[in-house]
Amino acid sequence: MTYRNFCWPVLCSLLTETQEEHGMNDNFHVVTSACIGTKDTACARVCPVSCFYDAGEMLMIHPGECIGCGLCVPECPVSAILPHEEVPENEHEYIGRAERFFAELPQAQAEAIRVNP
């Protein structure tokens, strides 16, 4: 077993528990407009918490599930993924778009569109 295979599940579990207990998730990442029409799933394949969803024209990261590890960022071939606090002002609509998308998404439908690598 490699160090990464052992530590990532433990770290992800601890971060997720902390976020759930305290209702915080200040480290989420956002998929911006560069993903539209691309939908390459290399980012989803490295996500340790499987927080990527197929939103039709693009992928979206669930802001309540993302632990902010950043593993997806270098995997994106179009540089569409950014930490939410680094999203340029002209792309801020994608922060709200993700929040609305997941707030309105029925749980039963969510599992059907989750990107499972």
N, C-alpha and C. Protein backbone atom coordinates (compact mmCIF):
# COMPACT_ATOMS: atom_id res chain seq x y z
N MET A 1 0.86 -1.19 0.00
CA MET A 1 0.00 0.00 0.00
C MET A 1 0.89 1.24 0.00
N THR A 2 0.61 2.17 -0.87
CA THR A 2 1.40 3.38 -0.93
C THR A 2 0.93 4.38 0.12
N TYR A 3 1.78 5.33 0.38
CA TYR A 3 1.46 6.39 1.34
C TYR A 3 0.17 7.10 0.95
N ARG A 4 0.03 7.43 -0.35
CA ARG A 4 -1.16 8.16 -0.82
C ARG A 4 -2.42 7.32 -0.63
N ASN A 5 -2.35 6.03 -0.99
CA ASN A 5 -3.53 5.18 -0.87
C ASN A 5 -3.97 5.02 0.58
N PHE A 6 -3.02 5.07 1.50
CA PHE A 6 -3.37 4.95 2.91
C PHE A 6 -3.88 6.27 3.48
N CYS A 7 -3.19 7.35 3.20
CA CYS A 7 -3.49 8.63 3.84
C CYS A 7 -4.69 9.36 3.27
N TRP A 8 -4.91 9.31 1.96
CA TRP A 8 -6.01 10.08 1.39
C TRP A 8 -7.37 9.71 1.97
N PRO A 9 -7.70 8.43 2.08
CA PRO A 9 -9.02 8.11 2.65
C PRO A 9 -9.17 8.62 4.08
N VAL A 10 -8.10 8.53 4.86
CA VAL A 10 -8.15 9.00 6.25
C VAL A 10 -8.31 10.52 6.27
N LEU A 11 -7.51 11.23 5.49
CA LEU A 11 -7.59 12.68 5.44
C LEU A 11 -8.95 13.14 4.94
N CYS A 12 -9.44 12.52 3.89
CA CYS A 12 -10.75 12.90 3.33
C CYS A 12 -11.85 12.68 4.35
N SER A 13 -11.77 11.59 5.07
CA SER A 13 -12.77 11.29 6.09
C SER A 13 -12.76 12.35 7.18
N LEU A 14 -11.58 12.71 7.64
CA LEU A 14 -11.47 13.73 8.70
C LEU A 14 -11.97 15.09 8.23
N LEU A 15 -11.60 15.49 7.02
CA LEU A 15 -12.05 16.78 6.49
C LEU A 15 -13.56 16.81 6.30
N THR A 16 -14.11 15.73 5.77
CA THR A 16 -15.55 15.66 5.54
C THR A 16 -16.32 15.72 6.85
N GLU A 17 -15.85 14.98 7.86
CA GLU A 17 -16.51 15.00 9.17
C GLU A 17 -16.48 16.39 9.77
N THR A 18 -15.35 17.06 9.66
CA THR A 18 -15.23 18.41 10.21
C THR A 18 -16.17 19.37 9.50
N GLN A 19 -16.26 19.28 8.18
CA GLN A 19 -17.15 20.15 7.42
C GLN A 19 -18.60 19.91 7.81
N GLU A 20 -18.98 18.64 7.96
CA GLU A 20 -20.35 18.32 8.31
C GLU A 20 -20.70 18.78 9.73
N GLU A 21 -19.78 18.58 10.66
CA GLU A 21 -20.03 18.95 12.04
C GLU A 21 -20.19 20.46 12.20
N HIS A 22 -19.40 21.20 11.49
CA HIS A 22 -19.38 22.66 11.67
C HIS A 22 -20.08 23.42 10.56
N GLY A 23 -20.65 22.70 9.60
CA GLY A 23 -21.36 23.35 8.50
C GLY A 23 -20.47 24.24 7.67
N MET A 24 -19.18 23.94 7.64
CA MET A 24 -18.27 24.79 6.89
C MET A 24 -17.75 24.07 5.66
N ASN A 25 -17.49 24.84 4.67
CA ASN A 25 -16.85 24.32 3.47
C ASN A 25 -16.30 25.50 2.71
N ASP A 26 -15.26 26.08 3.25
CA ASP A 26 -14.68 27.28 2.67
C ASP A 26 -13.61 26.98 1.64
N ASN A 27 -13.33 25.71 1.40
CA ASN A 27 -12.23 25.36 0.51
C ASN A 27 -12.66 24.74 -0.81
N PHE A 28 -13.90 24.91 -1.19
CA PHE A 28 -14.36 24.25 -2.41
C PHE A 28 -13.80 24.88 -3.67
N HIS A 29 -13.76 24.07 -4.72
CA HIS A 29 -13.31 24.52 -6.02
C HIS A 29 -14.51 24.71 -6.95
N VAL A 30 -14.30 25.48 -8.00
CA VAL A 30 -15.37 25.82 -8.93
C VAL A 30 -14.92 25.50 -10.36
N VAL A 31 -15.82 24.92 -11.13
CA VAL A 31 -15.57 24.70 -12.55
C VAL A 31 -16.11 25.93 -13.28
N THR A 32 -15.26 26.57 -14.06
CA THR A 32 -15.63 27.80 -14.75
C THR A 32 -15.98 27.54 -16.22
N SER A 33 -16.24 28.59 -16.95
CA SER A 33 -16.76 28.50 -18.32
C SER A 33 -15.86 27.75 -19.30
N ALA A 34 -14.58 27.65 -19.02
CA ALA A 34 -13.68 26.94 -19.94
C ALA A 34 -14.07 25.47 -20.12
N CYS A 35 -14.84 24.93 -19.19
CA CYS A 35 -15.28 23.53 -19.27
C CYS A 35 -16.44 23.34 -20.23
N ILE A 36 -17.16 24.40 -20.54
CA ILE A 36 -18.33 24.26 -21.40
C ILE A 36 -17.94 23.61 -22.72
N GLY A 37 -18.62 22.53 -23.03
CA GLY A 37 -18.35 21.79 -24.25
C GLY A 37 -17.17 20.84 -24.19
N THR A 38 -16.44 20.83 -23.09
CA THR A 38 -15.26 19.97 -22.97
C THR A 38 -15.61 18.70 -22.19
N LYS A 39 -16.00 18.88 -20.94
CA LYS A 39 -16.40 17.79 -20.06
C LYS A 39 -15.41 16.63 -20.01
N ASP A 40 -14.14 16.94 -20.03
CA ASP A 40 -13.11 15.92 -19.85
C ASP A 40 -13.18 15.46 -18.39
N THR A 41 -13.14 14.17 -18.15
CA THR A 41 -13.33 13.66 -16.79
C THR A 41 -12.02 13.30 -16.07
N ALA A 42 -10.90 13.76 -16.58
CA ALA A 42 -9.62 13.49 -15.90
C ALA A 42 -9.65 14.04 -14.48
N CYS A 43 -10.30 15.17 -14.29
CA CYS A 43 -10.40 15.78 -12.97
C CYS A 43 -11.19 14.88 -12.01
N ALA A 44 -12.27 14.31 -12.49
CA ALA A 44 -13.11 13.46 -11.66
C ALA A 44 -12.39 12.17 -11.28
N ARG A 45 -11.53 11.69 -12.15
CA ARG A 45 -10.81 10.43 -11.87
C ARG A 45 -9.87 10.56 -10.67
N VAL A 46 -9.37 11.76 -10.38
CA VAL A 46 -8.44 11.91 -9.26
C VAL A 46 -9.13 12.43 -8.00
N CYS A 47 -10.39 12.76 -8.07
CA CYS A 47 -11.11 13.32 -6.92
C CYS A 47 -11.33 12.24 -5.85
N PRO A 48 -10.78 12.44 -4.65
CA PRO A 48 -10.92 11.42 -3.61
C PRO A 48 -12.31 11.34 -2.99
N VAL A 49 -13.18 12.33 -3.24
CA VAL A 49 -14.52 12.31 -2.66
C VAL A 49 -15.64 12.27 -3.70
N SER A 50 -15.28 12.10 -4.96
CA SER A 50 -16.25 11.98 -6.06
C SER A 50 -17.31 13.08 -6.03
N CYS A 51 -16.87 14.33 -6.08
CA CYS A 51 -17.80 15.47 -5.99
C CYS A 51 -18.09 16.13 -7.33
N PHE A 52 -17.78 15.45 -8.44
CA PHE A 52 -18.05 15.98 -9.77
C PHE A 52 -19.37 15.43 -10.31
N TYR A 53 -20.12 16.31 -10.96
CA TYR A 53 -21.43 15.94 -11.52
C TYR A 53 -21.53 16.44 -12.95
N ASP A 54 -22.27 15.70 -13.77
CA ASP A 54 -22.51 16.08 -15.15
C ASP A 54 -23.70 17.03 -15.18
N ALA A 55 -23.44 18.29 -15.49
CA ALA A 55 -24.49 19.31 -15.50
C ALA A 55 -24.93 19.66 -16.92
N GLY A 56 -24.80 18.73 -17.82
CA GLY A 56 -25.22 18.97 -19.19
C GLY A 56 -24.09 19.48 -20.05
N GLU A 57 -23.95 20.80 -20.15
CA GLU A 57 -22.92 21.37 -21.00
C GLU A 57 -21.54 21.38 -20.38
N MET A 58 -21.46 21.07 -19.09
CA MET A 58 -20.18 21.09 -18.38
C MET A 58 -20.26 20.22 -17.13
N LEU A 59 -19.11 20.01 -16.50
CA LEU A 59 -19.09 19.34 -15.21
C LEU A 59 -19.22 20.40 -14.13
N MET A 60 -19.73 20.00 -12.96
CA MET A 60 -19.79 20.90 -11.81
C MET A 60 -19.28 20.17 -10.59
N ILE A 61 -18.68 20.92 -9.71
CA ILE A 61 -18.21 20.41 -8.43
C ILE A 61 -19.24 20.79 -7.39
N HIS A 62 -19.64 19.81 -6.59
CA HIS A 62 -20.60 20.07 -5.52
C HIS A 62 -19.87 20.83 -4.41
N PRO A 63 -20.25 22.09 -4.15
CA PRO A 63 -19.54 22.90 -3.16
C PRO A 63 -19.64 22.36 -1.74
N GLY A 64 -20.64 21.56 -1.45
CA GLY A 64 -20.78 20.98 -0.12
C GLY A 64 -20.01 19.69 0.07
N GLU A 65 -19.56 19.10 -1.02
CA GLU A 65 -18.81 17.84 -0.96
C GLU A 65 -17.32 18.01 -1.19
N CYS A 66 -16.94 19.04 -1.92
CA CYS A 66 -15.53 19.28 -2.24
C CYS A 66 -14.76 19.59 -0.96
N ILE A 67 -13.60 18.92 -0.80
CA ILE A 67 -12.78 19.15 0.40
C ILE A 67 -11.63 20.11 0.13
N GLY A 68 -11.54 20.60 -1.11
CA GLY A 68 -10.53 21.60 -1.43
C GLY A 68 -9.11 21.07 -1.53
N CYS A 69 -8.95 19.78 -1.82
CA CYS A 69 -7.61 19.19 -1.88
C CYS A 69 -6.81 19.69 -3.07
N GLY A 70 -7.49 20.08 -4.16
CA GLY A 70 -6.82 20.62 -5.33
C GLY A 70 -6.24 19.59 -6.29
N LEU A 71 -6.46 18.31 -6.05
CA LEU A 71 -5.92 17.30 -6.97
C LEU A 71 -6.47 17.43 -8.38
N CYS A 72 -7.68 17.94 -8.50
CA CYS A 72 -8.32 18.07 -9.81
C CYS A 72 -7.74 19.21 -10.65
N VAL A 73 -7.20 20.22 -10.02
CA VAL A 73 -6.77 21.43 -10.73
C VAL A 73 -5.75 21.13 -11.83
N PRO A 74 -4.64 20.45 -11.54
CA PRO A 74 -3.67 20.21 -12.61
C PRO A 74 -4.14 19.19 -13.66
N GLU A 75 -5.17 18.43 -13.34
CA GLU A 75 -5.68 17.42 -14.28
C GLU A 75 -6.59 18.01 -15.35
N CYS A 76 -7.13 19.19 -15.12
CA CYS A 76 -8.06 19.80 -16.06
C CYS A 76 -7.30 20.29 -17.30
N PRO A 77 -7.61 19.75 -18.48
CA PRO A 77 -6.87 20.13 -19.69
C PRO A 77 -7.15 21.55 -20.17
N VAL A 78 -8.22 22.18 -19.66
CA VAL A 78 -8.56 23.54 -20.10
C VAL A 78 -8.45 24.56 -18.97
N SER A 79 -7.84 24.18 -17.85
CA SER A 79 -7.64 25.06 -16.69
C SER A 79 -8.93 25.72 -16.22
N ALA A 80 -10.01 24.93 -16.18
CA ALA A 80 -11.32 25.47 -15.81
C ALA A 80 -11.60 25.42 -14.31
N ILE A 81 -10.76 24.73 -13.53
CA ILE A 81 -11.03 24.54 -12.10
C ILE A 81 -10.15 25.45 -11.26
N LEU A 82 -10.82 26.19 -10.37
CA LEU A 82 -10.11 27.12 -9.49
C LEU A 82 -10.68 27.05 -8.09
N PRO A 83 -9.84 27.35 -7.07
CA PRO A 83 -10.40 27.51 -5.73
C PRO A 83 -11.41 28.66 -5.78
N HIS A 84 -12.52 28.55 -5.06
CA HIS A 84 -13.59 29.55 -5.20
C HIS A 84 -13.12 30.97 -4.92
N GLU A 85 -12.14 31.14 -4.04
CA GLU A 85 -11.68 32.49 -3.72
C GLU A 85 -10.76 33.06 -4.81
N GLU A 86 -10.35 32.24 -5.77
CA GLU A 86 -9.48 32.70 -6.86
C GLU A 86 -10.22 32.84 -8.20
N VAL A 87 -11.52 32.61 -8.19
CA VAL A 87 -12.28 32.73 -9.43
C VAL A 87 -12.33 34.21 -9.83
N PRO A 88 -11.93 34.53 -11.07
CA PRO A 88 -11.94 35.93 -11.50
C PRO A 88 -13.36 36.49 -11.48
N GLU A 89 -13.45 37.79 -11.32
CA GLU A 89 -14.76 38.43 -11.20
C GLU A 89 -15.67 38.13 -12.39
N ASN A 90 -15.12 38.06 -13.58
CA ASN A 90 -15.95 37.80 -14.76
C ASN A 90 -16.45 36.34 -14.81
N GLU A 91 -16.00 35.49 -13.88
CA GLU A 91 -16.45 34.09 -13.80
C GLU A 91 -17.23 33.81 -12.52
N HIS A 92 -17.48 34.83 -11.71
CA HIS A 92 -18.17 34.64 -10.43
C HIS A 92 -19.55 34.00 -10.57
N GLU A 93 -20.18 34.18 -11.72
CA GLU A 93 -21.50 33.58 -11.91
C GLU A 93 -21.45 32.06 -11.76
N TYR A 94 -20.29 31.44 -12.00
CA TYR A 94 -20.19 29.99 -11.89
C TYR A 94 -20.17 29.50 -10.45
N ILE A 95 -19.82 30.36 -9.52
CA ILE A 95 -19.92 30.01 -8.10
C ILE A 95 -21.40 29.89 -7.74
N GLY A 96 -22.16 30.91 -8.05
CA GLY A 96 -23.60 30.90 -7.78
C GLY A 96 -24.33 29.85 -8.58
N ARG A 97 -23.88 29.63 -9.80
CA ARG A 97 -24.51 28.63 -10.65
C ARG A 97 -24.41 27.24 -10.02
N ALA A 98 -23.24 26.90 -9.49
CA ALA A 98 -23.05 25.60 -8.84
C ALA A 98 -23.91 25.51 -7.57
N GLU A 99 -23.92 26.57 -6.79
CA GLU A 99 -24.72 26.55 -5.55
C GLU A 99 -26.20 26.36 -5.86
N ARG A 100 -26.71 27.06 -6.88
CA ARG A 100 -28.12 26.92 -7.26
C ARG A 100 -28.41 25.54 -7.84
N PHE A 101 -27.51 25.06 -8.68
CA PHE A 101 -27.69 23.77 -9.32
C PHE A 101 -27.88 22.67 -8.26
N PHE A 102 -27.01 22.66 -7.25
CA PHE A 102 -27.10 21.60 -6.25
C PHE A 102 -28.21 21.84 -5.24
N ALA A 103 -28.58 23.08 -5.01
CA ALA A 103 -29.69 23.37 -4.10
C ALA A 103 -31.02 22.89 -4.69
N GLU A 104 -31.13 22.94 -6.01
CA GLU A 104 -32.37 22.57 -6.70
C GLU A 104 -32.39 21.12 -7.17
N LEU A 105 -31.28 20.42 -7.04
CA LEU A 105 -31.16 19.05 -7.56
C LEU A 105 -31.71 18.03 -6.57
N PRO A 106 -32.73 17.26 -6.97
CA PRO A 106 -33.25 16.21 -6.08
C PRO A 106 -32.17 15.15 -5.83
N GLN A 107 -32.08 14.65 -4.61
CA GLN A 107 -31.05 13.68 -4.24
C GLN A 107 -31.06 12.45 -5.15
N ALA A 108 -32.24 11.96 -5.49
CA ALA A 108 -32.34 10.78 -6.34
C ALA A 108 -31.70 11.03 -7.71
N GLN A 109 -31.86 12.21 -8.23
CA GLN A 109 -31.28 12.55 -9.52
C GLN A 109 -29.78 12.79 -9.40
N ALA A 110 -29.33 13.28 -8.26
CA ALA A 110 -27.91 13.59 -8.06
C ALA A 110 -27.04 12.36 -8.28
N GLU A 111 -27.42 11.24 -7.73
CA GLU A 111 -26.61 10.03 -7.90
C GLU A 111 -26.55 9.59 -9.36
N ALA A 112 -27.59 9.86 -10.11
CA ALA A 112 -27.63 9.46 -11.51
C ALA A 112 -26.67 10.29 -12.36
N ILE A 113 -26.36 11.51 -11.95
CA ILE A 113 -25.47 12.35 -12.76
C ILE A 113 -24.08 12.53 -12.14
N ARG A 114 -23.83 11.87 -11.01
CA ARG A 114 -22.48 11.92 -10.41
C ARG A 114 -21.51 11.28 -11.38
N VAL A 115 -20.36 11.92 -11.58
CA VAL A 115 -19.34 11.38 -12.47
C VAL A 115 -18.50 10.40 -11.66
N ASN A 116 -18.67 9.14 -11.95
CA ASN A 116 -17.91 8.08 -11.28
C ASN A 116 -16.84 7.56 -12.22
N PRO A 117 -15.60 7.84 -11.89
CA PRO A 117 -14.50 7.41 -12.79
C PRO A 117 -14.36 5.90 -12.87
